[in-house]
Amino acid sequence: MKHSPVPRKRDRPVSVTLPKHGVFLLESHHAENFQMAPSRHDFLEILFVLQGKGTFYFGDRSYVCQAKEVVVVPPRQVHQIEDHPHEPMSLYGICLASSVYQVEPPALSPLLSSARPLPLSSVSVEWIRGELRQMLYEQTLDRPGSSLILLGQAQRFLGMLLRALGDEKATFTHPESPQGHEATVRDYLKGLETRFFEQHSLDQTVERLGISRRRFTQLMREITGNSWHAHLIELRIKHACHLLEQTNRSVTAIAFECGFEELSSFYRAFKRHRGRPPLLWRNARNAD
């Protein structure tokens, strides 16, 4: 009978050497005797605390962090990590050379200006964990094209992280409380406005958010006036209308871009929501 391998516990930090494409994903499970001397490096580092708790020291500043928190360490920032004596941390992180974000360096100022935990909503934190897991998977397989994929994923990760920092005004209400559930759903809905094309079922959504299906459905109706599915379809149809009116893309291309897996499903949903098929709707708008 095979058993899953137990992650090797570390008593020292991971030694990082960036590959040519400038992206490295690290995994570090700390032993109780983990020790780290004050250190600095030339790359940007974003760390996700998977388990445990500890203190991050940045010069004369310190922050106590625990599971589901995200910490940014700018390039050349002196830093040190000290675990809680009985709850050593497990960390996942992404290390990025400056070449990765040179396409838009001014936008990175929120991440480069100060070492600190990032004020993110619970939805964004779960998204970060999923993105890091996906990139670590790609790095581990190291297939042809992995460097290109990792570079693209890392740049997308930075862009979405910056949007989350700028747009969400994250709340720190405990997610188990009724107020926390509502804040989580509102954060999710804000993110859904730009990710409606992704393929997730209702069950997958509530599992990711950590809310019961019944409670999530109730909050969806209270906040949007619709069910989850109806709200999702309306977002997709709204974007389809924009594309029909503002571009000359084909109906097939628009259906795909908006998240419809079957063209026939797109036609039915569009006619139900807008009263006529997509091409007739486009022609009528162009005639106005």
Protein backbone atom coordinates (compact mmCIF):
# COMPACT_ATOMS: atom_id res chain seq x y z
CA MET A 1 0.00 0.00 0.00
CA LYS A 2 1.45 3.37 -1.06
CA HIS A 3 1.36 6.40 1.20
CA SER A 4 1.54 10.03 0.19
CA PRO A 5 5.01 11.41 0.87
CA VAL A 6 5.30 13.63 3.92
CA PRO A 7 6.76 17.06 3.03
CA ARG A 8 10.34 17.38 4.25
CA LYS A 9 10.57 19.77 7.18
CA ARG A 10 13.22 22.45 6.83
CA ASP A 11 15.44 23.97 9.52
CA ARG A 12 16.71 26.68 7.11
CA PRO A 13 15.19 28.79 4.32
CA VAL A 14 14.99 27.52 0.75
CA SER A 15 18.00 28.56 -1.32
CA VAL A 16 16.61 30.29 -4.42
CA THR A 17 18.35 30.59 -7.78
CA LEU A 18 16.09 32.14 -10.37
CA PRO A 19 15.91 30.43 -13.77
CA LYS A 20 16.39 32.40 -17.01
CA HIS A 21 12.68 33.20 -17.32
CA GLY A 22 12.76 34.82 -13.88
CA VAL A 23 10.02 32.88 -12.08
CA PHE A 24 10.50 30.39 -9.23
CA LEU A 25 7.86 28.83 -6.97
CA LEU A 26 9.02 27.73 -3.55
CA GLU A 27 7.55 25.42 -0.96
CA SER A 28 8.90 25.54 2.58
CA HIS A 29 7.56 23.47 5.49
CA HIS A 30 9.31 24.60 8.66
CA ALA A 31 10.53 22.27 11.37
CA GLU A 32 10.25 23.39 14.98
CA ASN A 33 13.98 24.18 14.95
CA PHE A 34 13.75 26.37 11.83
CA GLN A 35 16.13 29.32 11.96
CA MET A 36 16.71 32.22 9.58
CA ALA A 37 19.34 34.92 9.76
CA PRO A 38 18.53 38.42 8.48
CA SER A 39 18.63 38.15 4.69
CA ARG A 40 18.04 40.07 1.49
CA HIS A 41 17.76 39.16 -2.19
CA ASP A 42 17.43 40.91 -5.54
CA PHE A 43 14.02 39.51 -6.50
CA LEU A 44 10.43 40.30 -5.49
CA GLU A 45 8.98 37.62 -3.21
CA ILE A 46 5.30 37.06 -2.37
CA LEU A 47 4.65 34.49 0.35
CA PHE A 48 1.43 32.66 1.24
CA VAL A 49 1.14 31.23 4.76
CA LEU A 50 -0.50 27.84 4.36
CA GLN A 51 -0.27 26.71 7.98
CA GLY A 52 1.10 27.81 11.33
CA LYS A 53 1.99 31.26 12.56
CA GLY A 54 5.07 33.38 13.05
CA THR A 55 6.62 36.82 12.90
CA PHE A 56 8.07 38.55 9.85
CA TYR A 57 10.75 41.12 10.69
CA PHE A 58 11.55 43.95 8.27
CA GLY A 59 14.19 46.18 9.86
CA ASP A 60 12.54 47.83 12.87
CA ARG A 61 9.05 46.67 11.83
CA SER A 62 7.48 43.29 12.60
CA TYR A 63 4.21 41.59 11.70
CA VAL A 64 2.65 38.52 13.29
CA CYS A 65 1.11 36.40 10.53
CA GLN A 66 -0.87 33.19 10.41
CA ALA A 67 -2.54 30.84 7.93
CA LYS A 68 -4.20 32.42 4.88
CA GLU A 69 -2.17 35.61 5.00
CA VAL A 70 -0.04 36.94 2.15
CA VAL A 71 3.23 38.78 2.72
CA VAL A 72 5.24 40.78 0.18
CA VAL A 73 9.04 41.09 0.42
CA PRO A 74 10.39 43.72 -2.02
CA PRO A 75 13.82 43.32 -3.65
CA ARG A 76 16.82 44.07 -1.38
CA GLN A 77 14.59 44.32 1.71
CA VAL A 78 16.31 42.93 4.81
CA HIS A 79 13.94 40.40 6.36
CA GLN A 80 13.82 37.56 8.84
CA ILE A 81 11.19 34.94 9.70
CA GLU A 82 10.66 33.54 13.19
CA ASP A 83 8.11 30.77 13.72
CA HIS A 84 5.79 30.40 16.67
CA PRO A 85 7.50 27.84 18.99
CA HIS A 86 4.79 25.20 18.63
CA GLU A 87 3.17 26.17 15.32
CA PRO A 88 5.92 26.42 12.68
CA MET A 89 4.76 27.75 9.34
CA SER A 90 4.36 26.15 5.96
CA LEU A 91 4.91 28.69 3.21
CA TYR A 92 4.34 28.81 -0.51
CA GLY A 93 5.85 31.64 -2.45
CA ILE A 94 6.64 33.11 -5.82
CA CYS A 95 10.00 34.72 -6.54
CA LEU A 96 10.14 37.15 -9.48
CA ALA A 97 13.02 38.81 -11.28
CA SER A 98 12.54 42.46 -12.22
CA SER A 99 12.46 41.42 -15.89
CA VAL A 100 9.07 39.77 -15.26
CA TYR A 101 7.33 43.07 -14.43
CA GLN A 102 9.39 45.56 -16.46
CA VAL A 103 6.50 45.87 -18.91
CA GLU A 104 4.70 48.10 -16.36
CA PRO A 105 7.04 48.94 -13.44
CA PRO A 106 5.11 51.96 -12.06
CA ALA A 107 2.07 49.75 -11.46
CA LEU A 108 4.15 47.57 -9.14
CA SER A 109 4.73 50.35 -6.59
CA PRO A 110 2.19 48.86 -4.10
CA LEU A 111 4.32 45.70 -4.03
CA LEU A 112 7.78 47.27 -4.30
CA SER A 113 7.41 50.18 -1.88
CA SER A 114 7.01 48.39 1.45
CA ALA A 115 7.38 44.94 2.98
CA ARG A 116 4.16 43.98 4.74
CA PRO A 117 1.17 41.62 4.86
CA LEU A 118 -1.21 42.49 2.03
CA PRO A 119 -4.77 43.66 2.88
CA LEU A 120 -6.69 41.13 0.81
CA SER A 121 -10.19 39.71 1.03
CA SER A 122 -10.76 36.04 1.79
CA VAL A 123 -11.80 35.48 -1.83
CA SER A 124 -8.55 36.95 -3.15
CA VAL A 125 -6.50 34.90 -0.70
CA GLU A 126 -8.16 31.69 -1.93
CA TRP A 127 -7.52 32.78 -5.52
CA ILE A 128 -3.84 33.36 -4.72
CA ARG A 129 -3.53 29.92 -3.19
CA GLY A 130 -5.05 28.37 -6.32
CA GLU A 131 -2.75 30.36 -8.64
CA LEU A 132 0.37 29.41 -6.69
CA ARG A 133 -0.69 25.77 -6.71
CA GLN A 134 -1.21 25.87 -10.46
CA MET A 135 2.18 27.49 -11.12
CA LEU A 136 3.94 25.06 -8.78
CA TYR A 137 2.35 22.19 -10.70
CA GLU A 138 3.64 23.60 -14.00
CA GLN A 139 7.12 24.12 -12.55
CA THR A 140 7.22 20.58 -11.19
CA LEU A 141 6.26 18.94 -14.50
CA ASP A 142 8.81 21.06 -16.43
CA ARG A 143 7.32 20.18 -19.81
CA PRO A 144 8.21 21.81 -23.14
CA GLY A 145 6.81 25.33 -22.99
CA SER A 146 6.71 25.44 -19.18
CA SER A 147 8.96 28.50 -19.02
CA LEU A 148 6.65 30.44 -21.34
CA ILE A 149 3.57 29.34 -19.42
CA LEU A 150 5.08 30.20 -16.04
CA LEU A 151 6.15 33.63 -17.24
CA GLY A 152 2.66 34.36 -18.55
CA GLN A 153 1.01 33.01 -15.41
CA ALA A 154 3.30 35.11 -13.20
CA GLN A 155 2.55 38.32 -15.10
CA ARG A 156 -1.18 37.62 -14.98
CA PHE A 157 -0.84 36.86 -11.26
CA LEU A 158 0.79 40.24 -10.63
CA GLY A 159 -1.84 42.10 -12.65
CA MET A 160 -4.76 40.44 -10.87
CA LEU A 161 -3.11 40.93 -7.47
CA LEU A 162 -2.69 44.65 -8.12
CA ARG A 163 -6.35 44.93 -9.12
CA ALA A 164 -7.38 43.14 -5.95
CA LEU A 165 -5.31 45.53 -3.85
CA GLY A 166 -6.74 48.54 -5.62
CA ASP A 167 -10.37 47.56 -5.96
CA GLU A 168 -11.51 45.34 -3.15
CA LYS A 169 -10.89 47.45 -0.04
CA ALA A 170 -10.73 44.11 1.71
CA THR A 171 -12.71 43.58 4.87
CA PHE A 172 -11.32 41.62 7.78
CA THR A 173 -14.64 40.39 9.14
CA HIS A 174 -14.28 36.82 10.36
CA PRO A 175 -15.52 34.57 7.52
CA GLU A 176 -17.47 32.31 9.91
CA SER A 177 -19.74 35.14 11.05
CA PRO A 178 -22.94 36.13 9.19
CA GLN A 179 -21.31 39.48 8.36
CA GLY A 180 -18.23 37.60 7.14
CA HIS A 181 -20.36 35.47 4.83
CA GLU A 182 -21.94 38.53 3.29
CA ALA A 183 -18.57 40.25 2.84
CA THR A 184 -17.18 37.11 1.22
CA VAL A 185 -20.05 36.91 -1.25
CA ARG A 186 -19.78 40.61 -2.10
CA ASP A 187 -16.06 40.19 -2.74
CA TYR A 188 -16.80 37.16 -4.89
CA LEU A 189 -19.39 39.09 -6.91
CA LYS A 190 -16.96 41.94 -7.52
CA GLY A 191 -14.41 39.47 -8.86
CA LEU A 192 -17.05 37.70 -10.92
CA GLU A 193 -17.60 40.88 -12.93
CA THR A 194 -14.26 40.26 -14.66
CA ARG A 195 -14.13 36.43 -14.45
CA PHE A 196 -17.65 35.43 -15.53
CA PHE A 197 -16.28 33.44 -18.47
CA GLU A 198 -14.56 30.87 -16.23
CA GLN A 199 -16.09 27.42 -15.86
CA HIS A 200 -17.12 26.72 -12.26
CA SER A 201 -20.16 24.94 -10.91
CA LEU A 202 -22.20 26.20 -7.98
CA ASP A 203 -20.84 23.38 -5.81
CA GLN A 204 -17.25 24.27 -6.71
CA THR A 205 -17.94 27.93 -5.92
CA VAL A 206 -19.39 27.37 -2.45
CA GLU A 207 -16.63 24.90 -1.60
CA ARG A 208 -13.97 27.45 -2.55
CA LEU A 209 -15.70 30.21 -0.53
CA GLY A 210 -16.27 27.99 2.51
CA ILE A 211 -20.00 28.77 2.70
CA SER A 212 -22.91 26.33 2.69
CA ARG A 213 -24.86 26.11 -0.55
CA ARG A 214 -28.05 27.20 1.18
CA ARG A 215 -26.46 30.27 2.78
CA PHE A 216 -24.70 31.25 -0.45
CA THR A 217 -27.94 30.97 -2.45
CA GLN A 218 -29.77 33.09 0.13
CA LEU A 219 -27.11 35.82 0.03
CA MET A 220 -27.03 35.81 -3.77
CA ARG A 221 -30.75 36.56 -3.90
CA GLU A 222 -30.48 39.22 -1.19
CA ILE A 223 -27.58 41.02 -2.88
CA THR A 224 -28.34 40.58 -6.60
CA GLY A 225 -32.03 39.69 -6.65
CA ASN A 226 -31.15 36.62 -8.71
CA SER A 227 -29.92 33.08 -8.35
CA TRP A 228 -26.20 32.41 -8.87
CA HIS A 229 -26.80 30.91 -12.31
CA ALA A 230 -29.12 33.71 -13.47
CA HIS A 231 -26.64 36.36 -12.32
CA LEU A 232 -23.76 34.60 -14.07
CA ILE A 233 -25.69 34.32 -17.34
CA GLU A 234 -26.72 37.98 -17.18
CA LEU A 235 -23.06 39.02 -16.82
CA ARG A 236 -22.16 36.90 -19.83
CA ILE A 237 -25.03 38.26 -21.93
CA LYS A 238 -24.15 41.83 -20.95
CA HIS A 239 -20.61 41.34 -22.20
CA ALA A 240 -21.90 39.64 -25.35
CA CYS A 241 -24.02 42.71 -26.08
CA HIS A 242 -20.96 44.91 -25.72
CA LEU A 243 -19.01 42.75 -28.16
CA LEU A 244 -21.87 42.55 -30.64
CA GLU A 245 -22.25 46.31 -30.63
CA GLN A 246 -18.63 47.41 -30.47
CA THR A 247 -16.82 44.76 -32.54
CA ASN A 248 -17.31 42.76 -35.72
CA ARG A 249 -16.50 39.41 -34.12
CA SER A 250 -18.53 36.39 -35.11
CA VAL A 251 -21.27 35.04 -32.88
CA THR A 252 -19.23 31.86 -32.40
CA ALA A 253 -16.21 33.84 -31.16
CA ILE A 254 -18.36 35.96 -28.85
CA ALA A 255 -20.07 32.93 -27.35
CA PHE A 256 -16.68 31.39 -26.59
CA GLU A 257 -15.25 34.61 -25.11
CA CYS A 258 -18.26 35.05 -22.83
CA GLY A 259 -17.97 31.55 -21.34
CA PHE A 260 -20.60 29.55 -23.25
CA GLU A 261 -19.42 26.04 -24.02
CA GLU A 262 -22.15 25.36 -26.61
CA LEU A 263 -23.23 27.79 -29.31
CA SER A 264 -26.83 26.60 -29.02
CA SER A 265 -26.81 27.46 -25.29
CA PHE A 266 -25.63 30.96 -26.13
CA TYR A 267 -28.42 31.47 -28.69
CA ARG A 268 -31.08 30.28 -26.23
CA ALA A 269 -29.78 32.39 -23.35
CA PHE A 270 -29.38 35.49 -25.50
CA LYS A 271 -32.87 35.27 -26.96
CA ARG A 272 -34.34 34.67 -23.51
CA HIS A 273 -32.57 37.74 -22.07
CA ARG A 274 -32.74 40.14 -25.02
CA GLY A 275 -35.83 38.98 -26.90
CA ARG A 276 -34.12 38.13 -30.20
CA PRO A 277 -31.13 36.15 -31.54
CA PRO A 278 -27.65 37.76 -31.39
CA LEU A 279 -27.34 38.73 -35.06
CA LEU A 280 -30.80 40.28 -35.19
CA TRP A 281 -30.01 42.20 -32.01
CA ARG A 282 -26.73 43.43 -33.55
CA ASN A 283 -28.44 44.50 -36.77
CA ALA A 284 -31.14 46.37 -34.86
CA ARG A 285 -28.56 48.21 -32.77
CA ASN A 286 -26.54 49.14 -35.84
CA ALA A 287 -29.67 50.45 -37.54
CA ASP A 288 -30.46 52.83 -34.65
